[in-house]
Amino acid sequence: MVGVYRMHSPGGPEVMVWEHEDFPPLTGSMVLIRHTAIGLNYIDVYHRSGLYPLPLPTRLGVEAAGVVAGVGPDVRRFKEGDRVAYAGGIGAYAEASIMPEGRLVALPDEITEEVAAASLLKGLTACYLLRRTYPVTDKHTVLVHAAAGGVGLILCQWANYLGATVIGTVGSADKAELARANGAHHTILYREEDVVARVKEITNGRGVNVSYDSVGKDTFEISLDSLAPLGMFVSYGNSSGNAPAVAPHELQNRGSLFFTRPSLAHYTATTEDLAALAKDFFSVLATGKVAIHINQRYALADLVDAHRDLEARKTTGSTVIVP
């Protein structure tokens, strides 16, 4: 029997209940992973609340790391005892899970299981945003919303490493200090300052080349109005609610802008794409130029509290759930 969190109806954190189940025998290329660390991500809130509907009842959680505890007869890349991680699928809030071989990444010796669980989904997201969606160079100025969050801190560090000028929006002075310590050249307190006006001031009236926006509804107009001509609005999350529709002529009127709503699932659709992004992310971690800040740890038994703190914006950086 394996302990798992499951929800039978969408709602608040309390809908996640601890249950036990028997896993089926391993077949084909399936791999059994005994979790040693589990990630906490805002997409978990979207799943739990019903914003991103899942068939019910369902397990929750999309990211974890651990040790291979069993393999199906067709598995070729892994064996029992190997350290692996994944970011995708459903069911990470559990003592163990079964995943297809092709959705797992092997952990290099220098990457701990806690770091992998705390950062793989966020790191892969930052990787495709900076390297694929809008390839950032030292010629660019970037705007990072929620700069003190898990993805935000990685974006700030990595964009800085690539030579870009980094502007981050944050909700408090403490978060501003954290963002600056992690690569943001400028921070804007969005509750106290006019973000667009400050962006234009920092960029001498031009605006930024790209806005990375995980907030959604509350920052939609801000992102559009902060862009330079030919800039790109990358909407990759919606912590404040779904972003509204944008009329094509509004993109033209604001300077022939580009708008995209990317998904990690599409950027890692093949095993090869997943492996390439993971290699890029682990490589930049190895340089020391991007560090993962695990600022919160919760026992798996305290998962409900972890969700409450995440939604209340009490967390910074990355969070690990320990089985």
Foldseek 3Di string as FASTA:
>chain_A
DWWFWKAADADALVRTDIDDDDDDDAAAQKWKFQFFWAFDDVVQNCDRNCVPDDPPGFTAGFKTKGFTPDGHPNHDPDDGGFIKMAGGDGTRLIRMDMDGPLRIDGDDPVADRHNRNFPVVLLLVLLCVCPPVPPAALVFEEEEEPLQAANNLQNQLVNVVRNYAYEYEDQDPVSQVNSVVRHHPYYDNVVPDDLLVVLCVVVVNFAGQEYEAAAAQVCQVVRLSRHGAQHEYEHAHHLPDHHDDDDPVSCVVSHVYHYDHDDSCVQPVGSVSSHVSSVVSVVVVVVVSGDADAPEEEESVCVSVVSVCVSVVVDGTTHMYGD
